[in-house]
């Protein structure tokens, strides 16, 4: 009976991904891949500096985000700015806007070249060099270590397949299989 009680207690303590939470699928060298069950569902590719700075790519069936977060920021609502991205071969200035009080969204949907976020994700798995991110104002430069993410490609691909399968299931149940 003590063993059964211990098993039930241990099972009760196991984390369960509730609606809107992230199920982490894998990670390596400060990078993590996760599946978020929010609606719409999306895949997360997150770099965490472990010093209060994170960069996250979110990809759903309909849009792709690039979020830059620093725990100590206090960004006023409605803020818009520009961020400069530099790698070995190019420099590009991109729009950034308020996402929440500690987060900027780079390349918002209405900005020029916003499709570049998907290209960065795709290329990062093919050995893209690190990207230097330069902010307007007094925030120092950050280095996004894209050169470390390639080994997570199979995990991210599995997340995208899961995302695609979830969307198909949703479409089937809404149109051809109502019960």
C-alpha atoms as a PDB file:
ATOM      1  CA  UNK A   1       0.000   0.000   0.000  1.00  0.00           C
ATOM      2  CA  UNK A   2       2.913   2.360   0.745  1.00  0.00           C
ATOM      3  CA  UNK A   3       4.321   1.752  -2.738  1.00  0.00           C
ATOM      4  CA  UNK A   4       0.954   2.525  -4.380  1.00  0.00           C
ATOM      5  CA  UNK A   5       0.648   5.730  -2.361  1.00  0.00           C
ATOM      6  CA  UNK A   6       4.171   6.761  -3.370  1.00  0.00           C
ATOM      7  CA  UNK A   7       3.440   6.084  -7.055  1.00  0.00           C
ATOM      8  CA  UNK A   8       0.221   8.126  -6.930  1.00  0.00           C
ATOM      9  CA  UNK A   9       2.007  10.961  -5.130  1.00  0.00           C
ATOM     10  CA  UNK A  10       4.862  10.997  -7.651  1.00  0.00           C
ATOM     11  CA  UNK A  11       2.403  10.961 -10.576  1.00  0.00           C
ATOM     12  CA  UNK A  12       0.528  13.882  -9.063  1.00  0.00           C
ATOM     13  CA  UNK A  13       3.729  15.915  -8.863  1.00  0.00           C
ATOM     14  CA  UNK A  14       4.654  15.411 -12.533  1.00  0.00           C
ATOM     15  CA  UNK A  15       4.191  18.559 -14.638  1.00  0.00           C
ATOM     16  CA  UNK A  16       1.336  18.479 -17.110  1.00  0.00           C
ATOM     17  CA  UNK A  17       1.222  20.903 -20.036  1.00  0.00           C
ATOM     18  CA  UNK A  18      -2.047  22.766 -19.691  1.00  0.00           C
ATOM     19  CA  UNK A  19      -3.654  24.784 -22.456  1.00  0.00           C
ATOM     20  CA  UNK A  20      -1.379  27.718 -23.206  1.00  0.00           C
ATOM     21  CA  UNK A  21       1.730  26.244 -21.603  1.00  0.00           C
ATOM     22  CA  UNK A  22       4.884  25.194 -23.401  1.00  0.00           C
ATOM     23  CA  UNK A  23       5.936  21.583 -23.685  1.00  0.00           C
ATOM     24  CA  UNK A  24       9.720  21.699 -24.003  1.00  0.00           C
ATOM     25  CA  UNK A  25      10.892  19.138 -26.559  1.00  0.00           C
ATOM     26  CA  UNK A  26      14.656  19.565 -26.422  1.00  0.00           C
ATOM     27  CA  UNK A  27      17.536  21.888 -25.787  1.00  0.00           C
ATOM     28  CA  UNK A  28      21.275  22.367 -26.181  1.00  0.00           C
ATOM     29  CA  UNK A  29      23.831  25.102 -25.568  1.00  0.00           C
ATOM     30  CA  UNK A  30      21.391  27.757 -24.273  1.00  0.00           C
ATOM     31  CA  UNK A  31      18.821  26.973 -26.993  1.00  0.00           C
ATOM     32  CA  UNK A  32      15.449  25.246 -26.440  1.00  0.00           C
ATOM     33  CA  UNK A  33      12.629  24.051 -28.664  1.00  0.00           C
ATOM     34  CA  UNK A  34       9.093  23.911 -27.361  1.00  0.00           C
ATOM     35  CA  UNK A  35       5.517  23.454 -28.494  1.00  0.00           C
ATOM     36  CA  UNK A  36       2.973  25.931 -27.127  1.00  0.00           C
ATOM     37  CA  UNK A  37      -0.635  24.814 -27.062  1.00  0.00           C
ATOM     38  CA  UNK A  38      -2.036  28.356 -27.030  1.00  0.00           C
ATOM     39  CA  UNK A  39      -4.483  29.192 -29.776  1.00  0.00           C
ATOM     40  CA  UNK A  40      -3.123  29.445 -32.316  1.00  0.00           C
ATOM     41  CA  UNK A  41      -0.532  26.840 -31.388  1.00  0.00           C
ATOM     42  CA  UNK A  42       3.087  27.622 -32.235  1.00  0.00           C
ATOM     43  CA  UNK A  43       6.636  26.311 -32.059  1.00  0.00           C
ATOM     44  CA  UNK A  44       9.178  28.159 -29.941  1.00  0.00           C
ATOM     45  CA  UNK A  45      12.901  28.397 -30.625  1.00  0.00           C
ATOM     46  CA  UNK A  46      14.383  30.179 -27.601  1.00  0.00           C
ATOM     47  CA  UNK A  47      17.887  31.362 -26.760  1.00  0.00           C
ATOM     48  CA  UNK A  48      18.315  32.115 -23.054  1.00  0.00           C
ATOM     49  CA  UNK A  49      21.529  33.854 -22.013  1.00  0.00           C
ATOM     50  CA  UNK A  50      20.836  32.818 -18.404  1.00  0.00           C
ATOM     51  CA  UNK A  51      21.625  36.452 -17.531  1.00  0.00           C
ATOM     52  CA  UNK A  52      18.125  37.888 -17.998  1.00  0.00           C
ATOM     53  CA  UNK A  53      18.285  38.194 -21.802  1.00  0.00           C
ATOM     54  CA  UNK A  54      16.328  35.978 -24.203  1.00  0.00           C
ATOM     55  CA  UNK A  55      15.574  35.905 -27.886  1.00  0.00           C
ATOM     56  CA  UNK A  56      12.697  33.841 -29.141  1.00  0.00           C
ATOM     57  CA  UNK A  57      11.371  32.851 -32.521  1.00  0.00           C
ATOM     58  CA  UNK A  58       7.711  31.798 -32.553  1.00  0.00           C
ATOM     59  CA  UNK A  59       6.273  30.113 -35.625  1.00  0.00           C
ATOM     60  CA  UNK A  60       2.574  29.326 -36.003  1.00  0.00           C
ATOM     61  CA  UNK A  61       0.714  28.210 -39.111  1.00  0.00           C
ATOM     62  CA  UNK A  62       0.002  31.834 -40.009  1.00  0.00           C
ATOM     63  CA  UNK A  63       2.784  34.030 -38.642  1.00  0.00           C
ATOM     64  CA  UNK A  64       6.314  34.143 -37.320  1.00  0.00           C
ATOM     65  CA  UNK A  65       7.584  36.346 -34.468  1.00  0.00           C
ATOM     66  CA  UNK A  66      11.029  37.388 -33.304  1.00  0.00           C
ATOM     67  CA  UNK A  67      10.912  38.536 -29.690  1.00  0.00           C
ATOM     68  CA  UNK A  68      13.787  40.088 -27.735  1.00  0.00           C
ATOM     69  CA  UNK A  69      13.411  40.212 -23.953  1.00  0.00           C
ATOM     70  CA  UNK A  70      15.443  41.595 -21.089  1.00  0.00           C
ATOM     71  CA  UNK A  71      14.080  41.112 -17.583  1.00  0.00           C
ATOM     72  CA  UNK A  72      15.163  44.590 -16.453  1.00  0.00           C
ATOM     73  CA  UNK A  73      13.556  46.524 -19.323  1.00  0.00           C
ATOM     74  CA  UNK A  74      10.488  48.654 -18.689  1.00  0.00           C
ATOM     75  CA  UNK A  75       9.304  49.483 -22.198  1.00  0.00           C
ATOM     76  CA  UNK A  76       6.442  51.974 -22.470  1.00  0.00           C
ATOM     77  CA  UNK A  77       3.390  50.725 -24.399  1.00  0.00           C
ATOM     78  CA  UNK A  78       3.367  51.877 -28.012  1.00  0.00           C
ATOM     79  CA  UNK A  79       7.160  52.141 -28.269  1.00  0.00           C
ATOM     80  CA  UNK A  80       8.620  51.759 -31.757  1.00  0.00           C
ATOM     81  CA  UNK A  81      12.323  51.751 -32.572  1.00  0.00           C
ATOM     82  CA  UNK A  82      14.894  50.236 -34.881  1.00  0.00           C
ATOM     83  CA  UNK A  83      17.420  47.479 -34.286  1.00  0.00           C
ATOM     84  CA  UNK A  84      20.499  46.784 -36.403  1.00  0.00           C
ATOM     85  CA  UNK A  85      21.362  43.178 -37.260  1.00  0.00           C
ATOM     86  CA  UNK A  86      24.915  42.407 -38.387  1.00  0.00           C
ATOM     87  CA  UNK A  87      26.475  39.130 -39.486  1.00  0.00           C
ATOM     88  CA  UNK A  88      29.652  38.408 -41.459  1.00  0.00           C
ATOM     89  CA  UNK A  89      28.235  39.516 -44.791  1.00  0.00           C
ATOM     90  CA  UNK A  90      25.568  42.175 -44.164  1.00  0.00           C
ATOM     91  CA  UNK A  91      24.042  44.815 -41.934  1.00  0.00           C
ATOM     92  CA  UNK A  92      20.295  45.354 -41.864  1.00  0.00           C
ATOM     93  CA  UNK A  93      18.196  47.857 -39.923  1.00  0.00           C
ATOM     94  CA  UNK A  94      14.800  46.431 -38.920  1.00  0.00           C
ATOM     95  CA  UNK A  95      11.759  47.831 -37.178  1.00  0.00           C
ATOM     96  CA  UNK A  96      10.966  46.851 -33.595  1.00  0.00           C
ATOM     97  CA  UNK A  97       7.901  47.554 -31.493  1.00  0.00           C
ATOM     98  CA  UNK A  98       6.491  47.080 -28.008  1.00  0.00           C
ATOM     99  CA  UNK A  99       5.277  43.534 -27.304  1.00  0.00           C
ATOM    100  CA  UNK A 100       5.105  43.735 -23.521  1.00  0.00           C
ATOM    101  CA  UNK A 101       6.939  45.714 -20.835  1.00  0.00           C
ATOM    102  CA  UNK A 102      10.129  43.633 -21.098  1.00  0.00           C
ATOM    103  CA  UNK A 103       9.914  42.564 -24.756  1.00  0.00           C
ATOM    104  CA  UNK A 104      10.372  44.041 -28.228  1.00  0.00           C
ATOM    105  CA  UNK A 105       9.003  42.383 -31.352  1.00  0.00           C
ATOM    106  CA  UNK A 106      11.459  42.658 -34.218  1.00  0.00           C
ATOM    107  CA  UNK A 107      10.167  42.898 -37.773  1.00  0.00           C
ATOM    108  CA  UNK A 108       6.479  43.401 -36.891  1.00  0.00           C
ATOM    109  CA  UNK A 109       4.051  42.184 -39.599  1.00  0.00           C
ATOM    110  CA  UNK A 110       3.530  45.540 -41.327  1.00  0.00           C
ATOM    111  CA  UNK A 111       7.252  46.351 -41.512  1.00  0.00           C
ATOM    112  CA  UNK A 112       9.364  46.048 -44.633  1.00  0.00           C
ATOM    113  CA  UNK A 113      11.059  42.654 -44.944  1.00  0.00           C
ATOM    114  CA  UNK A 114       9.139  41.012 -42.091  1.00  0.00           C
ATOM    115  CA  UNK A 115       9.305  37.718 -43.997  1.00  0.00           C
ATOM    116  CA  UNK A 116      12.997  37.672 -43.120  1.00  0.00           C
ATOM    117  CA  UNK A 117      12.258  36.095 -39.740  1.00  0.00           C
ATOM    118  CA  UNK A 118      11.363  32.736 -41.308  1.00  0.00           C
ATOM    119  CA  UNK A 119      14.499  32.947 -43.440  1.00  0.00           C
ATOM    120  CA  UNK A 120      16.663  33.516 -40.347  1.00  0.00           C
ATOM    121  CA  UNK A 121      15.123  30.476 -38.639  1.00  0.00           C
ATOM    122  CA  UNK A 122      15.622  28.308 -41.718  1.00  0.00           C
ATOM    123  CA  UNK A 123      19.192  29.479 -42.285  1.00  0.00           C
ATOM    124  CA  UNK A 124      20.147  29.100 -38.625  1.00  0.00           C
ATOM    125  CA  UNK A 125      19.846  25.339 -39.007  1.00  0.00           C
ATOM    126  CA  UNK A 126      22.206  25.437 -41.980  1.00  0.00           C
ATOM    127  CA  UNK A 127      25.155  26.953 -40.116  1.00  0.00           C
ATOM    128  CA  UNK A 128      24.400  30.668 -40.161  1.00  0.00           C
ATOM    129  CA  UNK A 129      27.016  32.761 -38.358  1.00  0.00           C
ATOM    130  CA  UNK A 130      26.149  34.513 -35.109  1.00  0.00           C
ATOM    131  CA  UNK A 131      24.227  37.781 -35.433  1.00  0.00           C
ATOM    132  CA  UNK A 132      25.102  40.949 -33.579  1.00  0.00           C
ATOM    133  CA  UNK A 133      22.015  42.892 -32.459  1.00  0.00           C
ATOM    134  CA  UNK A 134      22.525  46.625 -31.882  1.00  0.00           C
ATOM    135  CA  UNK A 135      19.791  48.596 -30.149  1.00  0.00           C
ATOM    136  CA  UNK A 136      19.024  52.297 -30.369  1.00  0.00           C
ATOM    137  CA  UNK A 137      19.752  54.060 -27.089  1.00  0.00           C
ATOM    138  CA  UNK A 138      22.037  52.895 -24.309  1.00  0.00           C
ATOM    139  CA  UNK A 139      21.486  49.101 -24.429  1.00  0.00           C
ATOM    140  CA  UNK A 140      24.732  47.355 -25.301  1.00  0.00           C
ATOM    141  CA  UNK A 141      25.060  45.045 -28.289  1.00  0.00           C
ATOM    142  CA  UNK A 142      23.907  41.433 -27.967  1.00  0.00           C
ATOM    143  CA  UNK A 143      25.228  38.451 -29.881  1.00  0.00           C
ATOM    144  CA  UNK A 144      22.646  35.882 -30.955  1.00  0.00           C
ATOM    145  CA  UNK A 145      24.584  32.587 -31.205  1.00  0.00           C
ATOM    146  CA  UNK A 146      22.849  31.107 -34.257  1.00  0.00           C
ATOM    147  CA  UNK A 147      25.938  28.978 -34.877  1.00  0.00           C
ATOM    148  CA  UNK A 148      24.920  26.831 -31.871  1.00  0.00           C
ATOM    149  CA  UNK A 149      21.373  25.949 -32.912  1.00  0.00           C
ATOM    150  CA  UNK A 150      21.942  23.555 -35.839  1.00  0.00           C
ATOM    151  CA  UNK A 151      21.822  20.374 -33.724  1.00  0.00           C
ATOM    152  CA  UNK A 152      18.221  21.196 -32.724  1.00  0.00           C
ATOM    153  CA  UNK A 153      16.969  21.036 -36.306  1.00  0.00           C
ATOM    154  CA  UNK A 154      15.367  17.557 -35.963  1.00  0.00           C
ATOM    155  CA  UNK A 155      13.555  18.678 -32.810  1.00  0.00           C
ATOM    156  CA  UNK A 156      12.311  21.899 -34.413  1.00  0.00           C
ATOM    157  CA  UNK A 157      11.228  19.990 -37.530  1.00  0.00           C
ATOM    158  CA  UNK A 158       9.251  17.589 -35.286  1.00  0.00           C
ATOM    159  CA  UNK A 159       7.610  20.576 -33.624  1.00  0.00           C
ATOM    160  CA  UNK A 160       6.587  22.017 -36.996  1.00  0.00           C
ATOM    161  CA  UNK A 161       5.192  18.632 -38.058  1.00  0.00           C
ATOM    162  CA  UNK A 162       3.185  18.498 -34.842  1.00  0.00           C
ATOM    163  CA  UNK A 163       1.948  22.024 -35.500  1.00  0.00           C
ATOM    164  CA  UNK A 164       0.936  21.076 -39.035  1.00  0.00           C
ATOM    165  CA  UNK A 165      -0.798  17.887 -37.857  1.00  0.00           C
ATOM    166  CA  UNK A 166      -2.719  19.850 -35.227  1.00  0.00           C
ATOM    167  CA  UNK A 167      -3.930  22.345 -37.804  1.00  0.00           C
ATOM    168  CA  UNK A 168      -5.074  19.553 -40.153  1.00  0.00           C
ATOM    169  CA  UNK A 169      -6.944  17.831 -37.328  1.00  0.00           C
ATOM    170  CA  UNK A 170      -8.640  21.083 -36.460  1.00  0.00           C
ATOM    171  CA  UNK A 171      -9.650  21.659 -40.077  1.00  0.00           C
ATOM    172  CA  UNK A 172     -10.980  18.105 -40.485  1.00  0.00           C
ATOM    173  CA  UNK A 173     -13.041  18.218 -37.329  1.00  0.00           C
ATOM    174  CA  UNK A 174     -14.506  21.603 -38.225  1.00  0.00           C
ATOM    175  CA  UNK A 175     -15.519  20.715 -41.781  1.00  0.00           C
ATOM    176  CA  UNK A 176     -15.922  17.027 -42.460  1.00  0.00           C
ATOM    177  CA  UNK A 177     -16.077  15.387 -39.032  1.00  0.00           C
ATOM    178  CA  UNK A 178     -18.300  17.454 -36.775  1.00  0.00           C
ATOM    179  CA  UNK A 179     -18.675  14.671 -34.164  1.00  0.00           C
END
